[in-house]
Protein backbone atom coordinates (compact mmCIF):
# COMPACT_ATOMS: atom_id res chain seq x y z
CA MET A 1 -0.06 0.00 -0.10
CA ASP A 2 1.47 3.58 -0.83
CA THR A 3 2.26 5.62 1.92
CA VAL A 4 0.43 9.09 2.42
CA GLY A 5 1.82 11.62 0.18
CA THR A 6 3.58 9.46 -2.06
CA ALA A 7 2.39 8.75 -5.85
CA VAL A 8 2.32 5.62 -7.30
CA GLY A 9 5.68 5.10 -9.40
CA ALA A 10 7.36 8.02 -7.91
CA PRO A 11 11.12 7.50 -6.65
CA PRO A 12 11.44 7.19 -2.87
CA GLN A 13 12.30 10.14 -1.04
CA PRO A 14 15.33 10.55 0.84
CA GLY A 15 14.66 9.74 4.81
CA LEU A 16 15.47 12.25 7.50
CA ARG A 17 19.27 11.27 7.90
CA GLU A 18 19.89 11.34 4.21
CA ARG A 19 18.37 14.93 4.01
CA LYS A 20 20.34 16.11 7.04
CA LYS A 21 23.51 14.82 5.47
CA GLN A 22 22.59 16.39 2.21
CA ARG A 23 21.80 19.73 4.01
CA THR A 24 25.40 19.76 5.77
CA ARG A 25 27.41 18.75 2.45
CA ASP A 26 25.45 21.88 0.67
CA ALA A 27 26.19 24.07 3.72
CA LEU A 28 29.76 23.44 3.32
CA VAL A 29 29.97 23.69 -0.48
CA ARG A 30 28.48 27.19 0.01
CA ALA A 31 30.79 28.22 2.95
CA ALA A 32 33.78 26.95 1.07
CA LEU A 33 32.74 28.94 -2.25
CA GLU A 34 31.97 32.34 0.00
CA LEU A 35 35.35 31.94 1.58
CA ILE A 36 37.47 31.10 -1.56
CA ALA A 37 35.68 33.77 -3.60
CA THR A 38 36.62 36.45 -0.72
CA HIS A 39 39.92 35.26 0.60
CA GLY A 40 41.20 33.00 -2.32
CA TYR A 41 42.00 29.42 -2.46
CA ASP A 42 45.62 29.58 -0.31
CA GLY A 43 43.67 32.20 2.13
CA THR A 44 40.90 29.54 2.98
CA THR A 45 41.77 26.49 5.38
CA VAL A 46 39.47 23.62 6.17
CA ASP A 47 39.15 24.86 9.48
CA ASP A 48 37.79 28.10 8.12
CA ILE A 49 35.14 26.08 6.05
CA ALA A 50 34.06 23.66 9.14
CA ALA A 51 33.91 26.80 11.41
CA ALA A 52 31.43 28.62 9.03
CA VAL A 53 29.28 25.53 8.98
CA ASP A 54 29.77 25.24 12.56
CA VAL A 55 31.01 21.58 12.28
CA SER A 56 34.09 19.91 13.08
CA GLN A 57 37.15 19.25 10.70
CA ARG A 58 36.37 15.45 11.21
CA THR A 59 32.96 16.29 9.97
CA PHE A 60 34.12 18.33 7.05
CA PHE A 61 36.22 14.99 6.10
CA ARG A 62 33.49 12.70 6.15
CA TYR A 63 31.94 14.75 3.27
CA PHE A 64 34.99 15.99 1.21
CA ALA A 65 38.56 14.18 0.81
CA SER A 66 40.32 17.72 0.41
CA LYS A 67 39.68 21.29 0.14
CA GLU A 68 40.26 21.11 -3.56
CA GLU A 69 37.40 18.44 -3.93
CA VAL A 70 34.90 20.89 -2.14
CA ALA A 71 36.38 24.02 -4.49
CA LEU A 72 35.72 22.15 -7.38
CA PHE A 73 32.34 20.50 -6.39
CA VAL A 74 29.87 22.63 -8.25
CA ALA A 75 32.36 22.85 -11.45
CA ARG A 76 32.18 18.89 -11.46
CA LEU A 77 28.40 19.02 -11.33
CA ALA A 78 28.34 21.37 -14.29
CA GLU A 79 30.32 18.68 -15.94
CA GLN A 80 28.36 15.99 -15.35
CA ARG A 81 25.12 17.65 -16.51
CA ILE A 82 27.35 18.31 -20.09
CA THR A 83 27.82 14.57 -20.26
CA GLU A 84 24.38 13.48 -19.60
CA ALA A 85 23.20 16.29 -22.52
CA VAL A 86 25.58 14.47 -24.94
CA ARG A 87 23.90 11.30 -24.19
CA ALA A 88 20.42 12.79 -24.93
CA ARG A 89 21.22 14.30 -28.03
CA PRO A 90 19.93 12.71 -31.61
CA ARG A 91 21.52 10.28 -32.89
CA GLU A 92 21.71 11.27 -36.45
CA GLU A 93 23.08 14.51 -35.44
CA ALA A 94 27.08 15.02 -36.54
CA PRO A 95 29.40 14.63 -33.64
CA LEU A 96 30.95 17.96 -33.07
CA GLU A 97 27.18 19.57 -33.35
CA THR A 98 26.36 16.99 -30.83
CA LEU A 99 28.92 18.45 -28.62
CA ARG A 100 28.22 22.37 -29.03
CA ARG A 101 24.44 21.76 -28.78
CA ALA A 102 24.93 19.62 -25.33
CA VAL A 103 27.11 22.64 -24.11
CA LEU A 104 24.69 25.83 -25.36
CA ASP A 105 21.29 24.13 -24.82
CA SER A 106 21.79 22.67 -21.45
CA TRP A 107 23.53 26.12 -20.23
CA ASP A 108 20.04 26.98 -18.41
CA ALA A 109 19.52 23.71 -17.23
CA ILE A 110 23.15 23.91 -15.67
CA ASP A 111 22.76 27.63 -14.21
CA GLU A 112 19.39 26.10 -12.58
CA ALA A 113 21.07 23.32 -11.20
CA VAL A 114 24.05 25.22 -10.03
CA GLY A 115 21.44 27.83 -8.54
CA GLU A 116 19.72 25.06 -6.34
CA LEU A 117 23.23 24.59 -4.33
CA VAL A 118 24.98 28.09 -4.62
CA PRO A 119 24.34 31.40 -6.19
CA VAL A 120 25.28 31.14 -10.01
CA GLU A 121 27.30 34.86 -9.55
CA LEU A 122 29.16 33.01 -6.64
CA HIS A 123 30.06 29.96 -8.91
CA MET A 124 31.51 32.24 -11.64
CA ARG A 125 33.45 34.00 -9.10
CA VAL A 126 35.08 31.02 -7.89
CA HIS A 127 35.46 29.79 -11.49
CA ARG A 128 37.74 32.78 -11.92
CA VAL A 129 39.83 31.78 -8.84
CA ILE A 130 40.05 28.28 -10.14
CA GLU A 131 41.61 30.12 -13.45
CA SER A 132 43.96 32.19 -11.35
CA THR A 133 45.01 29.60 -9.08
CA PRO A 134 47.85 27.19 -10.18
CA ALA A 135 46.72 24.07 -7.98
CA LEU A 136 43.09 24.39 -8.53
CA LEU A 137 43.79 25.04 -12.28
CA ALA A 138 45.76 21.65 -12.35
CA ALA A 139 43.29 19.69 -10.62
CA HIS A 140 40.78 21.54 -13.20
CA LEU A 141 42.82 20.51 -16.09
CA ARG A 142 43.19 16.93 -14.93
CA ARG A 143 39.37 16.55 -14.87
CA ALA A 144 39.10 17.92 -18.05
CA ALA A 145 41.33 15.02 -19.66
CA GLU A 146 39.18 12.81 -17.69
CA LEU A 147 36.13 14.43 -18.78
CA GLU A 148 37.45 14.49 -22.63
CA GLU A 149 38.28 10.70 -22.10
CA GLU A 150 34.60 10.07 -21.04
CA LEU A 151 33.21 11.90 -24.00
CA ALA A 152 35.26 10.37 -26.31
CA GLY A 153 33.70 7.11 -25.50
CA VAL A 154 30.30 8.34 -25.75
CA ILE A 155 30.84 9.78 -29.16
CA ALA A 156 32.28 6.22 -30.23
CA GLU A 157 29.59 4.45 -28.94
CA ARG A 158 27.14 6.93 -30.34
CA GLU A 159 28.66 6.52 -33.77
CA GLY A 160 29.41 2.62 -33.52
CA LEU A 161 33.17 3.23 -33.47
CA ASP A 162 35.66 1.72 -31.11
CA VAL A 163 37.42 4.59 -29.34
CA ASP A 164 40.69 2.58 -29.25
CA THR A 165 41.06 1.82 -32.64
CA ASP A 166 39.67 4.85 -34.32
CA PRO A 167 41.22 8.05 -33.23
CA ARG A 168 38.46 10.48 -34.30
CA PRO A 169 36.57 10.42 -31.38
CA ARG A 170 39.36 11.47 -29.10
CA ILE A 171 40.65 14.12 -31.91
CA LEU A 172 37.01 15.38 -32.21
CA VAL A 173 36.90 15.63 -28.31
CA ALA A 174 40.26 17.18 -27.74
CA ALA A 175 39.81 20.04 -30.29
CA PHE A 176 36.34 20.68 -28.48
CA GLY A 177 38.18 20.67 -24.88
CA GLY A 178 40.75 23.20 -26.51
CA VAL A 179 38.10 25.53 -27.68
CA ILE A 180 36.63 25.54 -24.34
CA ARG A 181 39.67 26.28 -22.59
CA VAL A 182 40.24 29.28 -24.85
CA ALA A 183 36.78 30.73 -24.18
CA GLU A 184 37.34 30.20 -20.52
CA ARG A 185 40.82 31.99 -20.86
CA ARG A 186 39.17 34.98 -22.50
CA TRP A 187 36.17 35.22 -20.22
CA SER A 188 38.51 35.22 -17.16
CA ALA A 189 40.61 37.80 -18.41
CA GLY A 190 37.69 39.99 -19.40
CA ASP A 191 35.63 42.55 -17.21
CA ASP A 192 32.14 40.85 -17.51
CA LEU A 193 32.28 37.73 -15.07
CA SER A 194 28.60 36.52 -15.81
CA SER A 195 27.57 33.41 -16.91
CA GLU A 196 25.93 34.92 -19.72
CA ALA A 197 29.37 36.33 -20.84
CA LEU A 198 30.82 33.02 -20.68
CA ARG A 199 28.07 31.31 -22.58
CA GLU A 200 28.53 33.87 -25.49
CA LEU A 201 32.47 33.21 -25.61
CA MET A 202 31.49 29.52 -25.59
CA ARG A 203 29.29 30.10 -28.55
CA THR A 204 31.14 32.24 -30.64
CA SER A 205 34.42 30.24 -29.99
CA LEU A 206 32.37 27.00 -31.18
CA ASP A 207 31.29 28.65 -33.93
CA HIS A 208 34.61 29.57 -35.35
CA VAL A 209 35.84 25.50 -35.21
CA GLY A 210 34.97 24.71 -38.44
CA PRO A 211 36.49 27.93 -40.11
CA ALA A 212 39.34 27.96 -37.94
CA LEU A 213 40.36 24.45 -39.18
CA ALA A 214 39.25 24.57 -42.87
CA ALA A 215 40.00 28.14 -43.86
CA ASN A 216 42.78 30.01 -45.26
CA TRP A 217 43.72 32.56 -42.58
CA ARG A 218 45.58 34.74 -45.12
CA THR A 219 43.55 38.03 -45.98
CA THR A 220 44.20 39.54 -49.69
CA ALA A 221 46.32 42.12 -48.10
CA SER A 222 48.81 39.74 -46.70
CA LEU A 223 49.06 37.84 -49.53
CA ASN A 224 49.96 40.39 -51.65
CA ARG A 225 52.55 41.57 -49.08
CA HIS A 226 53.89 37.97 -49.30
CA ASN A 227 54.08 38.12 -53.29
CA GLU A 228 55.86 41.38 -53.13
CA THR A 229 58.78 39.92 -50.96
């Protein structure tokens, strides 16, 4: 017999203990990002984060293995959504368009998911800290390499290819990842740190992939100068 308030076929709701654990985890993430955005990564300690939530250092380590892990938690959430979006794209779509649309079409949903955990503006501030902090950037790039390998596997499966014998999925995803990095660096160096600004840079950068790879970059004037020498 169904319990009161539970719809038939609905997924089971987390119990009180699980909800308390999730609230504590979420509070630690919010506190960590606020502190890191304000004081920098090196200026924030695990003790600072735990104290902000009024828990012990031991409690912190029940949820996160390190300060690095909590600092990158929201970024990992966004990456997971992109992988899910790639899997959900139409099978007849070309691989590069699949990656492009997975990023751009899921942007609002990612912002919504992030916003349920921390303010999107705070997430973007910490994203800039990641770009300017060598230890965090190194961890971010390590994870980016892992994500590229995961996406290459997804693309290969969609196309009916063996990722270990056909290099095209890895080449495509590596190029795609490089474009994302260019957009992130341009965004981090700019004055507009909004999610909308990063999205627009992602869009314009991805739109340049095909022309950048296939076109002749030399202008008529440059060709004329070359011919005159």
